[in-house]
Amino acid sequence: RSISQRLAQRLLFILEGYGNHILIQDRQIHISQEQLANMLTTSRQTINHELSLLEKQKIIKIAFRKIEILDIEKLKVVAKAQS
C-alpha cells in the first residue's frame, strides 16, 4: 500500500472513532503531523507532503494540529486506491 493510501485509511480510522484519545469534532481530527508520522512509521516531512497533496485536491484542510475532512467520499477513494 502507498503512503497516501495508508494515510487516508488512518484518517478514516480515526474519524470513525477508533482513536478515542484524540479529540474529534465535526469531521475535524486534532492531531499533529508528528503523531501521524509515528502511527504510520514514516517521517513528518512525508506526512506533510501527503497532506498537502490531499489539501490541493480539496479532500482535507490542514491547520495547526488539526485536519478537517472536507470530502469523506474522496478520502475513501484514496484509501481504497490500488498502488
N, C-alpha and C. Protein backbone atom coordinates (compact mmCIF):
# COMPACT_ATOMS: atom_id res chain seq x y z
N ARG A 1 0.84 -1.19 0.00
CA ARG A 1 0.00 0.00 0.00
C ARG A 1 0.88 1.25 0.00
N SER A 2 0.46 2.24 -0.73
CA SER A 2 1.20 3.50 -0.80
C SER A 2 0.99 4.29 0.49
N ILE A 3 1.89 5.23 0.74
CA ILE A 3 1.76 6.07 1.94
C ILE A 3 0.47 6.90 1.88
N SER A 4 0.09 7.37 0.70
CA SER A 4 -1.15 8.16 0.60
C SER A 4 -2.36 7.29 0.94
N GLN A 5 -2.34 6.05 0.52
CA GLN A 5 -3.44 5.13 0.83
C GLN A 5 -3.46 4.84 2.34
N ARG A 6 -2.30 4.58 2.91
CA ARG A 6 -2.22 4.31 4.35
C ARG A 6 -2.65 5.51 5.17
N LEU A 7 -2.26 6.71 4.73
CA LEU A 7 -2.65 7.93 5.43
C LEU A 7 -4.16 8.13 5.38
N ALA A 8 -4.75 7.96 4.21
CA ALA A 8 -6.20 8.10 4.06
C ALA A 8 -6.93 7.09 4.94
N GLN A 9 -6.43 5.85 4.96
CA GLN A 9 -7.06 4.83 5.80
C GLN A 9 -6.98 5.20 7.28
N ARG A 10 -5.82 5.73 7.69
CA ARG A 10 -5.65 6.11 9.10
C ARG A 10 -6.57 7.27 9.47
N LEU A 11 -6.70 8.25 8.59
CA LEU A 11 -7.60 9.39 8.88
C LEU A 11 -9.04 8.91 9.01
N LEU A 12 -9.45 8.01 8.14
CA LEU A 12 -10.82 7.46 8.24
C LEU A 12 -10.99 6.67 9.53
N PHE A 13 -9.99 5.88 9.86
CA PHE A 13 -10.00 5.07 11.07
C PHE A 13 -10.18 5.96 12.30
N ILE A 14 -9.41 7.04 12.37
CA ILE A 14 -9.51 7.98 13.49
C ILE A 14 -10.87 8.67 13.48
N LEU A 15 -11.31 9.09 12.30
CA LEU A 15 -12.59 9.80 12.18
C LEU A 15 -13.76 8.95 12.63
N GLU A 16 -13.66 7.64 12.42
CA GLU A 16 -14.74 6.73 12.81
C GLU A 16 -14.73 6.44 14.31
N GLY A 17 -13.82 7.08 15.05
CA GLY A 17 -13.87 6.97 16.50
C GLY A 17 -12.92 5.97 17.11
N TYR A 18 -12.01 5.40 16.32
CA TYR A 18 -11.11 4.40 16.87
C TYR A 18 -9.90 5.01 17.56
N GLY A 19 -9.70 6.30 17.38
CA GLY A 19 -8.62 6.98 18.08
C GLY A 19 -9.22 7.79 19.22
N ASN A 20 -9.88 7.10 20.14
CA ASN A 20 -10.67 7.77 21.18
C ASN A 20 -9.88 8.78 22.00
N HIS A 21 -8.58 8.63 22.10
CA HIS A 21 -7.78 9.58 22.87
C HIS A 21 -7.57 10.89 22.11
N ILE A 22 -7.94 10.91 20.86
CA ILE A 22 -7.79 12.11 20.03
C ILE A 22 -9.17 12.76 19.88
N LEU A 23 -9.21 14.06 20.08
CA LEU A 23 -10.47 14.79 20.01
C LEU A 23 -10.98 14.88 18.57
N ILE A 24 -12.21 14.47 18.34
CA ILE A 24 -12.81 14.52 17.02
C ILE A 24 -14.10 15.33 17.12
N GLN A 25 -14.20 16.41 16.32
CA GLN A 25 -15.41 17.24 16.31
C GLN A 25 -15.72 17.64 14.88
N ASP A 26 -16.93 17.44 14.46
CA ASP A 26 -17.37 17.92 13.15
C ASP A 26 -16.36 17.64 12.03
N ARG A 27 -15.97 16.40 11.92
CA ARG A 27 -15.01 15.97 10.89
C ARG A 27 -13.66 16.64 11.02
N GLN A 28 -13.33 17.07 12.23
CA GLN A 28 -12.01 17.64 12.49
C GLN A 28 -11.25 16.70 13.40
N ILE A 29 -10.04 16.37 12.99
CA ILE A 29 -9.18 15.48 13.77
C ILE A 29 -8.08 16.35 14.37
N HIS A 30 -7.98 16.35 15.68
CA HIS A 30 -6.95 17.13 16.37
C HIS A 30 -5.75 16.23 16.62
N ILE A 31 -4.76 16.36 15.75
CA ILE A 31 -3.58 15.50 15.81
C ILE A 31 -2.43 16.24 15.13
N SER A 32 -1.23 16.01 15.60
CA SER A 32 -0.08 16.65 14.96
C SER A 32 0.43 15.77 13.82
N GLN A 33 1.15 16.40 12.92
CA GLN A 33 1.76 15.65 11.82
C GLN A 33 2.78 14.66 12.37
N GLU A 34 3.44 15.03 13.45
CA GLU A 34 4.42 14.15 14.09
C GLU A 34 3.73 12.89 14.60
N GLN A 35 2.54 13.05 15.21
CA GLN A 35 1.79 11.89 15.71
C GLN A 35 1.39 10.98 14.55
N LEU A 36 0.90 11.57 13.46
CA LEU A 36 0.53 10.78 12.29
C LEU A 36 1.74 10.04 11.73
N ALA A 37 2.87 10.73 11.66
CA ALA A 37 4.09 10.12 11.15
C ALA A 37 4.48 8.91 12.00
N ASN A 38 4.37 9.05 13.32
CA ASN A 38 4.69 7.94 14.21
C ASN A 38 3.74 6.77 14.01
N MET A 39 2.45 7.05 13.83
CA MET A 39 1.46 6.00 13.60
C MET A 39 1.75 5.22 12.32
N LEU A 40 2.23 5.92 11.32
CA LEU A 40 2.45 5.30 10.01
C LEU A 40 3.91 4.94 9.76
N THR A 41 4.72 5.07 10.80
CA THR A 41 6.16 4.80 10.73
C THR A 41 6.82 5.41 9.49
N THR A 42 6.66 6.71 9.39
CA THR A 42 7.28 7.47 8.31
C THR A 42 7.71 8.82 8.87
N SER A 43 8.29 9.66 8.04
CA SER A 43 8.76 10.95 8.54
C SER A 43 7.64 12.00 8.54
N ARG A 44 7.82 13.03 9.37
CA ARG A 44 6.86 14.11 9.40
C ARG A 44 6.83 14.83 8.06
N GLN A 45 7.99 14.91 7.40
CA GLN A 45 8.07 15.57 6.10
C GLN A 45 7.23 14.83 5.06
N THR A 46 7.27 13.51 5.10
CA THR A 46 6.46 12.70 4.18
C THR A 46 4.98 12.93 4.43
N ILE A 47 4.59 12.95 5.71
CA ILE A 47 3.18 13.19 6.07
C ILE A 47 2.77 14.58 5.60
N ASN A 48 3.63 15.57 5.82
CA ASN A 48 3.34 16.93 5.39
C ASN A 48 3.10 16.98 3.89
N HIS A 49 3.95 16.31 3.12
CA HIS A 49 3.81 16.27 1.66
C HIS A 49 2.49 15.62 1.25
N GLU A 50 2.18 14.48 1.85
CA GLU A 50 0.95 13.75 1.51
C GLU A 50 -0.30 14.54 1.91
N LEU A 51 -0.27 15.18 3.07
CA LEU A 51 -1.40 16.00 3.50
C LEU A 51 -1.59 17.18 2.55
N SER A 52 -0.48 17.77 2.10
CA SER A 52 -0.56 18.88 1.15
C SER A 52 -1.21 18.45 -0.16
N LEU A 53 -0.88 17.25 -0.62
CA LEU A 53 -1.50 16.72 -1.84
C LEU A 53 -3.00 16.55 -1.66
N LEU A 54 -3.40 16.02 -0.51
CA LEU A 54 -4.84 15.86 -0.22
C LEU A 54 -5.53 17.21 -0.12
N GLU A 55 -4.83 18.19 0.43
CA GLU A 55 -5.41 19.53 0.56
C GLU A 55 -5.60 20.17 -0.82
N LYS A 56 -4.64 19.98 -1.72
CA LYS A 56 -4.75 20.53 -3.07
C LYS A 56 -5.95 19.94 -3.82
N GLN A 57 -6.31 18.70 -3.47
CA GLN A 57 -7.46 18.04 -4.09
C GLN A 57 -8.77 18.40 -3.38
N LYS A 58 -8.67 19.28 -2.38
CA LYS A 58 -9.83 19.73 -1.58
C LYS A 58 -10.52 18.59 -0.84
N ILE A 59 -9.71 17.61 -0.44
CA ILE A 59 -10.22 16.48 0.35
C ILE A 59 -10.13 16.81 1.84
N ILE A 60 -9.07 17.52 2.21
CA ILE A 60 -8.87 17.92 3.60
C ILE A 60 -8.44 19.39 3.66
N LYS A 61 -8.49 19.93 4.86
CA LYS A 61 -7.95 21.26 5.12
C LYS A 61 -7.02 21.12 6.32
N ILE A 62 -5.80 21.62 6.17
CA ILE A 62 -4.79 21.48 7.21
C ILE A 62 -4.70 22.77 8.02
N ALA A 63 -4.65 22.63 9.34
CA ALA A 63 -4.38 23.74 10.24
C ALA A 63 -3.39 23.23 11.30
N PHE A 64 -2.99 24.09 12.21
CA PHE A 64 -2.05 23.67 13.24
C PHE A 64 -2.67 22.60 14.12
N ARG A 65 -2.03 21.42 14.15
CA ARG A 65 -2.50 20.28 14.95
C ARG A 65 -3.96 19.90 14.68
N LYS A 66 -4.41 20.15 13.46
CA LYS A 66 -5.81 19.85 13.13
C LYS A 66 -5.93 19.53 11.65
N ILE A 67 -6.74 18.54 11.34
CA ILE A 67 -7.05 18.19 9.96
C ILE A 67 -8.56 18.12 9.84
N GLU A 68 -9.11 18.92 8.95
CA GLU A 68 -10.56 18.90 8.72
C GLU A 68 -10.83 18.10 7.46
N ILE A 69 -11.72 17.14 7.55
CA ILE A 69 -12.09 16.33 6.39
C ILE A 69 -13.19 17.07 5.64
N LEU A 70 -12.88 17.50 4.42
CA LEU A 70 -13.85 18.25 3.60
C LEU A 70 -14.69 17.33 2.73
N ASP A 71 -14.08 16.24 2.24
CA ASP A 71 -14.78 15.33 1.34
C ASP A 71 -14.46 13.89 1.72
N ILE A 72 -15.31 13.33 2.58
CA ILE A 72 -15.06 11.99 3.09
C ILE A 72 -15.13 10.93 1.99
N GLU A 73 -15.98 11.15 0.99
CA GLU A 73 -16.09 10.17 -0.10
C GLU A 73 -14.80 10.10 -0.92
N LYS A 74 -14.21 11.26 -1.21
CA LYS A 74 -12.95 11.27 -1.95
C LYS A 74 -11.84 10.64 -1.11
N LEU A 75 -11.88 10.87 0.20
CA LEU A 75 -10.88 10.28 1.08
C LEU A 75 -11.00 8.75 1.06
N LYS A 76 -12.22 8.25 1.01
CA LYS A 76 -12.44 6.81 0.92
C LYS A 76 -11.90 6.25 -0.39
N VAL A 77 -12.03 7.01 -1.47
CA VAL A 77 -11.49 6.58 -2.78
C VAL A 77 -9.97 6.45 -2.68
N VAL A 78 -9.32 7.43 -2.08
CA VAL A 78 -7.86 7.39 -1.91
C VAL A 78 -7.47 6.19 -1.05
N ALA A 79 -8.24 5.94 0.00
CA ALA A 79 -7.95 4.84 0.92
C ALA A 79 -8.04 3.48 0.23
N LYS A 80 -8.89 3.37 -0.77
CA LYS A 80 -9.10 2.10 -1.46
C LYS A 80 -8.28 1.97 -2.74
N ALA A 81 -7.59 3.03 -3.13
CA ALA A 81 -6.84 3.04 -4.39
C ALA A 81 -5.77 1.95 -4.39
N GLN A 82 -5.58 1.35 -5.53
CA GLN A 82 -4.54 0.35 -5.69
C GLN A 82 -3.22 1.05 -5.98
N SER A 83 -2.17 0.65 -5.30
CA SER A 83 -0.87 1.28 -5.55
C SER A 83 -0.04 0.43 -6.49
